[in-house]
mmCIF file of all heavy atoms, coordinates in Angstrom:
data_MODEL
# 
_entry.id   MODEL 
# 
loop_
_atom_site.group_PDB 
_atom_site.id 
_atom_site.type_symbol 
_atom_site.label_atom_id 
_atom_site.label_alt_id 
_atom_site.label_comp_id 
_atom_site.label_asym_id 
_atom_site.label_entity_id 
_atom_site.label_seq_id 
_atom_site.pdbx_PDB_ins_code 
_atom_site.Cartn_x 
_atom_site.Cartn_y 
_atom_site.Cartn_z 
_atom_site.occupancy 
_atom_site.B_iso_or_equiv 
_atom_site.pdbx_formal_charge 
_atom_site.auth_seq_id 
_atom_site.auth_comp_id 
_atom_site.auth_asym_id 
_atom_site.auth_atom_id 
_atom_site.pdbx_PDB_model_num 
ATOM 1   N N   . THR A 1 1  ? 97.561  105.887 93.703  1.00 0.00 ? 1  THR A N   1 
ATOM 2   C CA  . THR A 1 1  ? 98.008  104.966 94.772  1.00 0.00 ? 1  THR A CA  1 
ATOM 3   C C   . THR A 1 1  ? 98.395  105.748 95.981  1.00 0.00 ? 1  THR A C   1 
ATOM 4   O O   . THR A 1 1  ? 99.064  106.783 95.906  1.00 0.00 ? 1  THR A O   1 
ATOM 5   C CB  . THR A 1 1  ? 99.192  104.091 94.281  1.00 0.00 ? 1  THR A CB  1 
ATOM 6   O OG1 . THR A 1 1  ? 98.772  103.320 93.174  1.00 0.00 ? 1  THR A OG1 1 
ATOM 7   C CG2 . THR A 1 1  ? 99.651  103.189 95.376  1.00 0.00 ? 1  THR A CG2 1 
ATOM 8   N N   . VAL A 1 2  ? 98.082  105.226 97.125  1.00 0.00 ? 2  VAL A N   1 
ATOM 9   C CA  . VAL A 1 2  ? 98.458  105.844 98.394  1.00 0.00 ? 2  VAL A CA  1 
ATOM 10  C C   . VAL A 1 2  ? 99.246  104.785 99.177  1.00 0.00 ? 2  VAL A C   1 
ATOM 11  O O   . VAL A 1 2  ? 98.969  103.613 99.110  1.00 0.00 ? 2  VAL A O   1 
ATOM 12  C CB  . VAL A 1 2  ? 97.256  106.339 99.198  1.00 0.00 ? 2  VAL A CB  1 
ATOM 13  C CG1 . VAL A 1 2  ? 96.319  105.215 99.580  1.00 0.00 ? 2  VAL A CG1 1 
ATOM 14  C CG2 . VAL A 1 2  ? 97.680  107.110 100.436 1.00 0.00 ? 2  VAL A CG2 1 
ATOM 15  N N   . TYR A 1 3  ? 100.199 105.260 99.955  1.00 0.00 ? 3  TYR A N   1 
ATOM 16  C CA  . TYR A 1 3  ? 101.087 104.366 100.710 1.00 0.00 ? 3  TYR A CA  1 
ATOM 17  C C   . TYR A 1 3  ? 101.043 104.715 102.195 1.00 0.00 ? 3  TYR A C   1 
ATOM 18  O O   . TYR A 1 3  ? 100.806 105.832 102.591 1.00 0.00 ? 3  TYR A O   1 
ATOM 19  C CB  . TYR A 1 3  ? 102.530 104.518 100.234 1.00 0.00 ? 3  TYR A CB  1 
ATOM 20  C CG  . TYR A 1 3  ? 102.677 104.293 98.729  1.00 0.00 ? 3  TYR A CG  1 
ATOM 21  C CD1 . TYR A 1 3  ? 102.717 105.347 97.847  1.00 0.00 ? 3  TYR A CD1 1 
ATOM 22  C CD2 . TYR A 1 3  ? 102.877 103.025 98.248  1.00 0.00 ? 3  TYR A CD2 1 
ATOM 23  C CE1 . TYR A 1 3  ? 102.901 105.130 96.494  1.00 0.00 ? 3  TYR A CE1 1 
ATOM 24  C CE2 . TYR A 1 3  ? 103.073 102.779 96.864  1.00 0.00 ? 3  TYR A CE2 1 
ATOM 25  C CZ  . TYR A 1 3  ? 103.020 103.866 96.007  1.00 0.00 ? 3  TYR A CZ  1 
ATOM 26  O OH  . TYR A 1 3  ? 103.147 103.643 94.697  1.00 0.00 ? 3  TYR A OH  1 
ATOM 27  N N   . LEU A 1 4  ? 101.340 103.720 103.022 1.00 0.00 ? 4  LEU A N   1 
ATOM 28  C CA  . LEU A 1 4  ? 101.492 103.955 104.418 1.00 0.00 ? 4  LEU A CA  1 
ATOM 29  C C   . LEU A 1 4  ? 102.760 103.209 104.856 1.00 0.00 ? 4  LEU A C   1 
ATOM 30  O O   . LEU A 1 4  ? 102.790 101.993 104.899 1.00 0.00 ? 4  LEU A O   1 
ATOM 31  C CB  . LEU A 1 4  ? 100.299 103.461 105.249 1.00 0.00 ? 4  LEU A CB  1 
ATOM 32  C CG  . LEU A 1 4  ? 100.348 103.747 106.725 1.00 0.00 ? 4  LEU A CG  1 
ATOM 33  C CD1 . LEU A 1 4  ? 100.235 105.215 106.980 1.00 0.00 ? 4  LEU A CD1 1 
ATOM 34  C CD2 . LEU A 1 4  ? 99.229  102.972 107.454 1.00 0.00 ? 4  LEU A CD2 1 
ATOM 35  N N   . GLN A 1 5  ? 103.766 103.979 105.159 1.00 0.00 ? 5  GLN A N   1 
ATOM 36  C CA  . GLN A 1 5  ? 105.043 103.460 105.670 1.00 0.00 ? 5  GLN A CA  1 
ATOM 37  C C   . GLN A 1 5  ? 104.888 103.367 107.178 1.00 0.00 ? 5  GLN A C   1 
ATOM 38  O O   . GLN A 1 5  ? 104.737 104.417 107.804 1.00 0.00 ? 5  GLN A O   1 
ATOM 39  C CB  . GLN A 1 5  ? 106.237 104.282 105.230 1.00 0.00 ? 5  GLN A CB  1 
ATOM 40  C CG  . GLN A 1 5  ? 107.559 103.795 105.735 1.00 0.00 ? 5  GLN A CG  1 
ATOM 41  C CD  . GLN A 1 5  ? 107.952 102.465 105.181 1.00 0.00 ? 5  GLN A CD  1 
ATOM 42  O OE1 . GLN A 1 5  ? 107.928 102.255 103.964 1.00 0.00 ? 5  GLN A OE1 1 
ATOM 43  N NE2 . GLN A 1 5  ? 108.400 101.522 106.049 1.00 0.00 ? 5  GLN A NE2 1 
ATOM 44  N N   . MET A 1 6  ? 105.019 102.185 107.721 1.00 0.00 ? 6  MET A N   1 
ATOM 45  C CA  . MET A 1 6  ? 104.878 101.977 109.145 1.00 0.00 ? 6  MET A CA  1 
ATOM 46  C C   . MET A 1 6  ? 106.188 101.528 109.731 1.00 0.00 ? 6  MET A C   1 
ATOM 47  O O   . MET A 1 6  ? 106.697 100.461 109.398 1.00 0.00 ? 6  MET A O   1 
ATOM 48  C CB  . MET A 1 6  ? 103.791 100.977 109.437 1.00 0.00 ? 6  MET A CB  1 
ATOM 49  C CG  . MET A 1 6  ? 102.463 101.358 108.856 1.00 0.00 ? 6  MET A CG  1 
ATOM 50  S SD  . MET A 1 6  ? 101.106 100.183 109.320 1.00 0.00 ? 6  MET A SD  1 
ATOM 51  C CE  . MET A 1 6  ? 101.720 98.679  108.480 1.00 0.00 ? 6  MET A CE  1 
ATOM 52  N N   . ASN A 1 7  ? 106.755 102.338 110.572 1.00 0.00 ? 7  ASN A N   1 
ATOM 53  C CA  . ASN A 1 7  ? 108.040 102.002 111.250 1.00 0.00 ? 7  ASN A CA  1 
ATOM 54  C C   . ASN A 1 7  ? 107.836 101.851 112.724 1.00 0.00 ? 7  ASN A C   1 
ATOM 55  O O   . ASN A 1 7  ? 106.843 102.341 113.308 1.00 0.00 ? 7  ASN A O   1 
ATOM 56  C CB  . ASN A 1 7  ? 109.078 103.107 110.978 1.00 0.00 ? 7  ASN A CB  1 
ATOM 57  C CG  . ASN A 1 7  ? 109.418 103.281 109.502 1.00 0.00 ? 7  ASN A CG  1 
ATOM 58  O OD1 . ASN A 1 7  ? 109.456 102.299 108.743 1.00 0.00 ? 7  ASN A OD1 1 
ATOM 59  N ND2 . ASN A 1 7  ? 109.645 104.499 109.079 1.00 0.00 ? 7  ASN A ND2 1 
ATOM 60  N N   . SER A 1 8  ? 108.804 101.214 113.372 1.00 0.00 ? 8  SER A N   1 
ATOM 61  C CA  . SER A 1 8  ? 108.806 101.068 114.860 1.00 0.00 ? 8  SER A CA  1 
ATOM 62  C C   . SER A 1 8  ? 107.451 100.499 115.304 1.00 0.00 ? 8  SER A C   1 
ATOM 63  O O   . SER A 1 8  ? 106.794 101.016 116.286 1.00 0.00 ? 8  SER A O   1 
ATOM 64  C CB  . SER A 1 8  ? 109.064 102.391 115.546 1.00 0.00 ? 8  SER A CB  1 
ATOM 65  O OG  . SER A 1 8  ? 110.317 102.919 115.166 1.00 0.00 ? 8  SER A OG  1 
ATOM 66  N N   . LEU A 1 9  ? 107.004 99.451  114.641 1.00 0.00 ? 9  LEU A N   1 
ATOM 67  C CA  . LEU A 1 9  ? 105.647 98.909  114.930 1.00 0.00 ? 9  LEU A CA  1 
ATOM 68  C C   . LEU A 1 9  ? 105.603 98.340  116.353 1.00 0.00 ? 9  LEU A C   1 
ATOM 69  O O   . LEU A 1 9  ? 106.535 97.773  116.883 1.00 0.00 ? 9  LEU A O   1 
ATOM 70  C CB  . LEU A 1 9  ? 105.373 97.818  113.933 1.00 0.00 ? 9  LEU A CB  1 
ATOM 71  C CG  . LEU A 1 9  ? 104.898 98.408  112.584 1.00 0.00 ? 9  LEU A CG  1 
ATOM 72  C CD1 . LEU A 1 9  ? 105.030 97.358  111.466 1.00 0.00 ? 9  LEU A CD1 1 
ATOM 73  C CD2 . LEU A 1 9  ? 103.440 98.922  112.656 1.00 0.00 ? 9  LEU A CD2 1 
ATOM 74  N N   . LYS A 1 10 ? 104.413 98.550  116.942 1.00 0.00 ? 10 LYS A N   1 
ATOM 75  C CA  . LYS A 1 10 ? 104.171 98.068  118.271 1.00 0.00 ? 10 LYS A CA  1 
ATOM 76  C C   . LYS A 1 10 ? 103.009 97.067  118.222 1.00 0.00 ? 10 LYS A C   1 
ATOM 77  O O   . LYS A 1 10 ? 102.206 97.119  117.297 1.00 0.00 ? 10 LYS A O   1 
ATOM 78  C CB  . LYS A 1 10 ? 103.736 99.283  119.166 1.00 0.00 ? 10 LYS A CB  1 
ATOM 79  C CG  . LYS A 1 10 ? 104.768 100.377 119.260 1.00 0.00 ? 10 LYS A CG  1 
ATOM 80  C CD  . LYS A 1 10 ? 104.204 101.565 120.016 1.00 0.00 ? 10 LYS A CD  1 
ATOM 81  C CE  . LYS A 1 10 ? 105.203 102.682 120.180 1.00 0.00 ? 10 LYS A CE  1 
ATOM 82  N NZ  . LYS A 1 10 ? 104.690 103.841 120.909 1.00 0.00 ? 10 LYS A NZ  1 
ATOM 83  N N   . PRO A 1 11 ? 102.898 96.217  119.240 1.00 0.00 ? 11 PRO A N   1 
ATOM 84  C CA  . PRO A 1 11 ? 101.773 95.277  119.276 1.00 0.00 ? 11 PRO A CA  1 
ATOM 85  C C   . PRO A 1 11 ? 100.425 95.918  119.170 1.00 0.00 ? 11 PRO A C   1 
ATOM 86  O O   . PRO A 1 11 ? 99.518  95.398  118.533 1.00 0.00 ? 11 PRO A O   1 
ATOM 87  C CB  . PRO A 1 11 ? 101.977 94.554  120.615 1.00 0.00 ? 11 PRO A CB  1 
ATOM 88  C CG  . PRO A 1 11 ? 103.443 94.603  120.872 1.00 0.00 ? 11 PRO A CG  1 
ATOM 89  C CD  . PRO A 1 11 ? 103.870 95.978  120.360 1.00 0.00 ? 11 PRO A CD  1 
ATOM 90  N N   . GLU A 1 12 ? 100.303 97.089  119.704 1.00 0.00 ? 12 GLU A N   1 
ATOM 91  C CA  . GLU A 1 12 ? 99.012  97.822  119.654 1.00 0.00 ? 12 GLU A CA  1 
ATOM 92  C C   . GLU A 1 12 ? 98.642  98.323  118.279 1.00 0.00 ? 12 GLU A C   1 
ATOM 93  O O   . GLU A 1 12 ? 97.573  98.786  118.036 1.00 0.00 ? 12 GLU A O   1 
ATOM 94  C CB  . GLU A 1 12 ? 98.936  98.933  120.694 1.00 0.00 ? 12 GLU A CB  1 
ATOM 95  C CG  . GLU A 1 12 ? 100.112 99.902  120.614 1.00 0.00 ? 12 GLU A CG  1 
ATOM 96  C CD  . GLU A 1 12 ? 101.173 99.580  121.673 1.00 0.00 ? 12 GLU A CD  1 
ATOM 97  O OE1 . GLU A 1 12 ? 101.503 98.364  121.811 1.00 0.00 ? 12 GLU A OE1 1 
ATOM 98  O OE2 . GLU A 1 12 ? 101.661 100.531 122.317 1.00 0.00 ? 12 GLU A OE2 1 
ATOM 99  N N   . ASP A 1 13 ? 99.618  98.245  117.343 1.00 0.00 ? 13 ASP A N   1 
ATOM 100 C CA  . ASP A 1 13 ? 99.316  98.602  115.942 1.00 0.00 ? 13 ASP A CA  1 
ATOM 101 C C   . ASP A 1 13 ? 98.637  97.489  115.157 1.00 0.00 ? 13 ASP A C   1 
ATOM 102 O O   . ASP A 1 13 ? 98.238  97.697  114.055 1.00 0.00 ? 13 ASP A O   1 
ATOM 103 C CB  . ASP A 1 13 ? 100.639 98.982  115.198 1.00 0.00 ? 13 ASP A CB  1 
ATOM 104 C CG  . ASP A 1 13 ? 101.255 100.236 115.768 1.00 0.00 ? 13 ASP A CG  1 
ATOM 105 O OD1 . ASP A 1 13 ? 100.534 101.205 116.062 1.00 0.00 ? 13 ASP A OD1 1 
ATOM 106 O OD2 . ASP A 1 13 ? 102.503 100.288 115.868 1.00 0.00 ? 13 ASP A OD2 1 
ATOM 107 N N   . ALA A 1 14 ? 98.602  96.302  115.732 1.00 0.00 ? 14 ALA A N   1 
ATOM 108 C CA  . ALA A 1 14 ? 98.040  95.155  115.055 1.00 0.00 ? 14 ALA A CA  1 
ATOM 109 C C   . ALA A 1 14 ? 96.551  95.404  114.786 1.00 0.00 ? 14 ALA A C   1 
ATOM 110 O O   . ALA A 1 14 ? 95.819  95.750  115.703 1.00 0.00 ? 14 ALA A O   1 
ATOM 111 C CB  . ALA A 1 14 ? 98.216  93.871  115.876 1.00 0.00 ? 14 ALA A CB  1 
ATOM 112 N N   . ALA A 1 15 ? 96.135  95.237  113.545 1.00 0.00 ? 15 ALA A N   1 
ATOM 113 C CA  . ALA A 1 15 ? 94.763  95.508  113.182 1.00 0.00 ? 15 ALA A CA  1 
ATOM 114 C C   . ALA A 1 15 ? 94.615  95.122  111.702 1.00 0.00 ? 15 ALA A C   1 
ATOM 115 O O   . ALA A 1 15 ? 95.580  94.866  111.008 1.00 0.00 ? 15 ALA A O   1 
ATOM 116 C CB  . ALA A 1 15 ? 94.420  96.958  113.399 1.00 0.00 ? 15 ALA A CB  1 
ATOM 117 N N   . VAL A 1 16 ? 93.355  95.185  111.221 1.00 0.00 ? 16 VAL A N   1 
ATOM 118 C CA  . VAL A 1 16 ? 93.142  95.145  109.785 1.00 0.00 ? 16 VAL A CA  1 
ATOM 119 C C   . VAL A 1 16 ? 93.187  96.649  109.376 1.00 0.00 ? 16 VAL A C   1 
ATOM 120 O O   . VAL A 1 16 ? 92.476  97.460  109.879 1.00 0.00 ? 16 VAL A O   1 
ATOM 121 C CB  . VAL A 1 16 ? 91.802  94.542  109.381 1.00 0.00 ? 16 VAL A CB  1 
ATOM 122 C CG1 . VAL A 1 16 ? 91.549  94.639  107.933 1.00 0.00 ? 16 VAL A CG1 1 
ATOM 123 C CG2 . VAL A 1 16 ? 91.780  93.095  109.840 1.00 0.00 ? 16 VAL A CG2 1 
ATOM 124 N N   . TYR A 1 17 ? 93.976  96.929  108.343 1.00 0.00 ? 17 TYR A N   1 
ATOM 125 C CA  . TYR A 1 17 ? 94.135  98.282  107.852 1.00 0.00 ? 17 TYR A CA  1 
ATOM 126 C C   . TYR A 1 17 ? 93.326  98.458  106.538 1.00 0.00 ? 17 TYR A C   1 
ATOM 127 O O   . TYR A 1 17 ? 93.498  97.652  105.620 1.00 0.00 ? 17 TYR A O   1 
ATOM 128 C CB  . TYR A 1 17 ? 95.599  98.628  107.609 1.00 0.00 ? 17 TYR A CB  1 
ATOM 129 C CG  . TYR A 1 17 ? 96.329  98.903  108.892 1.00 0.00 ? 17 TYR A CG  1 
ATOM 130 C CD1 . TYR A 1 17 ? 96.606  97.939  109.835 1.00 0.00 ? 17 TYR A CD1 1 
ATOM 131 C CD2 . TYR A 1 17 ? 96.793  100.212 109.166 1.00 0.00 ? 17 TYR A CD2 1 
ATOM 132 C CE1 . TYR A 1 17 ? 97.256  98.214  110.978 1.00 0.00 ? 17 TYR A CE1 1 
ATOM 133 C CE2 . TYR A 1 17 ? 97.434  100.488 110.322 1.00 0.00 ? 17 TYR A CE2 1 
ATOM 134 C CZ  . TYR A 1 17 ? 97.673  99.512  111.245 1.00 0.00 ? 17 TYR A CZ  1 
ATOM 135 O OH  . TYR A 1 17 ? 98.328  99.787  112.451 1.00 0.00 ? 17 TYR A OH  1 
ATOM 136 N N   . TYR A 1 18 ? 92.557  99.502  106.505 1.00 0.00 ? 18 TYR A N   1 
ATOM 137 C CA  . TYR A 1 18 ? 91.717  99.756  105.347 1.00 0.00 ? 18 TYR A CA  1 
ATOM 138 C C   . TYR A 1 18 ? 92.060  101.066 104.711 1.00 0.00 ? 18 TYR A C   1 
ATOM 139 O O   . TYR A 1 18 ? 92.330  102.031 105.369 1.00 0.00 ? 18 TYR A O   1 
ATOM 140 C CB  . TYR A 1 18 ? 90.236  99.890  105.804 1.00 0.00 ? 18 TYR A CB  1 
ATOM 141 C CG  . TYR A 1 18 ? 89.626  98.620  106.401 1.00 0.00 ? 18 TYR A CG  1 
ATOM 142 C CD1 . TYR A 1 18 ? 89.747  98.341  107.765 1.00 0.00 ? 18 TYR A CD1 1 
ATOM 143 C CD2 . TYR A 1 18 ? 89.010  97.655  105.570 1.00 0.00 ? 18 TYR A CD2 1 
ATOM 144 C CE1 . TYR A 1 18 ? 89.138  97.195  108.322 1.00 0.00 ? 18 TYR A CE1 1 
ATOM 145 C CE2 . TYR A 1 18 ? 88.484  96.509  106.123 1.00 0.00 ? 18 TYR A CE2 1 
ATOM 146 C CZ  . TYR A 1 18 ? 88.561  96.275  107.449 1.00 0.00 ? 18 TYR A CZ  1 
ATOM 147 O OH  . TYR A 1 18 ? 88.037  95.145  107.990 1.00 0.00 ? 18 TYR A OH  1 
ATOM 148 N N   . CYS A 1 19 ? 92.029  101.039 103.376 1.00 0.00 ? 19 CYS A N   1 
ATOM 149 C CA  . CYS A 1 19 ? 92.228  102.264 102.582 1.00 0.00 ? 19 CYS A CA  1 
ATOM 150 C C   . CYS A 1 19 ? 90.881  102.875 102.299 1.00 0.00 ? 19 CYS A C   1 
ATOM 151 O O   . CYS A 1 19 ? 89.926  102.202 102.045 1.00 0.00 ? 19 CYS A O   1 
ATOM 152 C CB  . CYS A 1 19 ? 92.909  101.886 101.336 1.00 0.00 ? 19 CYS A CB  1 
ATOM 153 S SG  . CYS A 1 19 ? 93.185  103.190 100.113 1.00 0.00 ? 19 CYS A SG  1 
ATOM 154 N N   . ASN A 1 20 ? 90.843  104.226 102.304 1.00 0.00 ? 20 ASN A N   1 
ATOM 155 C CA  . ASN A 1 20 ? 89.675  104.930 102.028 1.00 0.00 ? 20 ASN A CA  1 
ATOM 156 C C   . ASN A 1 20 ? 89.992  106.046 100.995 1.00 0.00 ? 20 ASN A C   1 
ATOM 157 O O   . ASN A 1 20 ? 91.071  106.640 101.080 1.00 0.00 ? 20 ASN A O   1 
ATOM 158 C CB  . ASN A 1 20 ? 89.118  105.572 103.274 1.00 0.00 ? 20 ASN A CB  1 
ATOM 159 C CG  . ASN A 1 20 ? 87.935  106.528 103.025 1.00 0.00 ? 20 ASN A CG  1 
ATOM 160 O OD1 . ASN A 1 20 ? 88.088  107.734 102.875 1.00 0.00 ? 20 ASN A OD1 1 
ATOM 161 N ND2 . ASN A 1 20 ? 86.717  105.978 102.903 1.00 0.00 ? 20 ASN A ND2 1 
ATOM 162 N N   . ALA A 1 21 ? 89.075  106.276 100.059 1.00 0.00 ? 21 ALA A N   1 
ATOM 163 C CA  . ALA A 1 21 ? 89.261  107.364 99.105  1.00 0.00 ? 21 ALA A CA  1 
ATOM 164 C C   . ALA A 1 21 ? 88.022  108.151 98.923  1.00 0.00 ? 21 ALA A C   1 
ATOM 165 O O   . ALA A 1 21 ? 86.942  107.565 98.795  1.00 0.00 ? 21 ALA A O   1 
ATOM 166 C CB  . ALA A 1 21 ? 89.789  106.770 97.774  1.00 0.00 ? 21 ALA A CB  1 
ATOM 167 N N   . ASP A 1 22 ? 88.157  109.462 98.925  1.00 0.00 ? 22 ASP A N   1 
ATOM 168 C CA  . ASP A 1 22 ? 87.101  110.350 98.555  1.00 0.00 ? 22 ASP A CA  1 
ATOM 169 C C   . ASP A 1 22 ? 87.305  110.665 97.053  1.00 0.00 ? 22 ASP A C   1 
ATOM 170 O O   . ASP A 1 22 ? 88.218  111.439 96.743  1.00 0.00 ? 22 ASP A O   1 
ATOM 171 C CB  . ASP A 1 22 ? 87.203  111.592 99.419  1.00 0.00 ? 22 ASP A CB  1 
ATOM 172 C CG  . ASP A 1 22 ? 86.197  112.661 99.062  1.00 0.00 ? 22 ASP A CG  1 
ATOM 173 O OD1 . ASP A 1 22 ? 85.210  112.392 98.336  1.00 0.00 ? 22 ASP A OD1 1 
ATOM 174 O OD2 . ASP A 1 22 ? 86.377  113.842 99.519  1.00 0.00 ? 22 ASP A OD2 1 
ATOM 175 N N   . ALA A 1 23 ? 86.464  110.068 96.220  1.00 0.00 ? 23 ALA A N   1 
ATOM 176 C CA  . ALA A 1 23 ? 86.709  110.160 94.788  1.00 0.00 ? 23 ALA A CA  1 
ATOM 177 C C   . ALA A 1 23 ? 85.465  110.680 94.039  1.00 0.00 ? 23 ALA A C   1 
ATOM 178 O O   . ALA A 1 23 ? 84.353  110.533 94.551  1.00 0.00 ? 23 ALA A O   1 
ATOM 179 C CB  . ALA A 1 23 ? 87.115  108.809 94.219  1.00 0.00 ? 23 ALA A CB  1 
ATOM 180 N N   . THR A 1 24 ? 85.733  111.227 92.912  1.00 0.00 ? 24 THR A N   1 
ATOM 181 C CA  . THR A 1 24 ? 84.649  111.718 92.031  1.00 0.00 ? 24 THR A CA  1 
ATOM 182 C C   . THR A 1 24 ? 84.676  110.952 90.737  1.00 0.00 ? 24 THR A C   1 
ATOM 183 O O   . THR A 1 24 ? 85.736  110.795 90.100  1.00 0.00 ? 24 THR A O   1 
ATOM 184 C CB  . THR A 1 24 ? 84.810  113.217 91.763  1.00 0.00 ? 24 THR A CB  1 
ATOM 185 O OG1 . THR A 1 24 ? 84.722  113.947 92.995  1.00 0.00 ? 24 THR A OG1 1 
ATOM 186 C CG2 . THR A 1 24 ? 83.756  113.697 90.805  1.00 0.00 ? 24 THR A CG2 1 
# 
């Protein structure tokens, strides 16, 4: 599992956020 803690959010941060993994 990977996490993204987002603080002090701004309007320009609005988006769809996607997770990516380089896996074997």
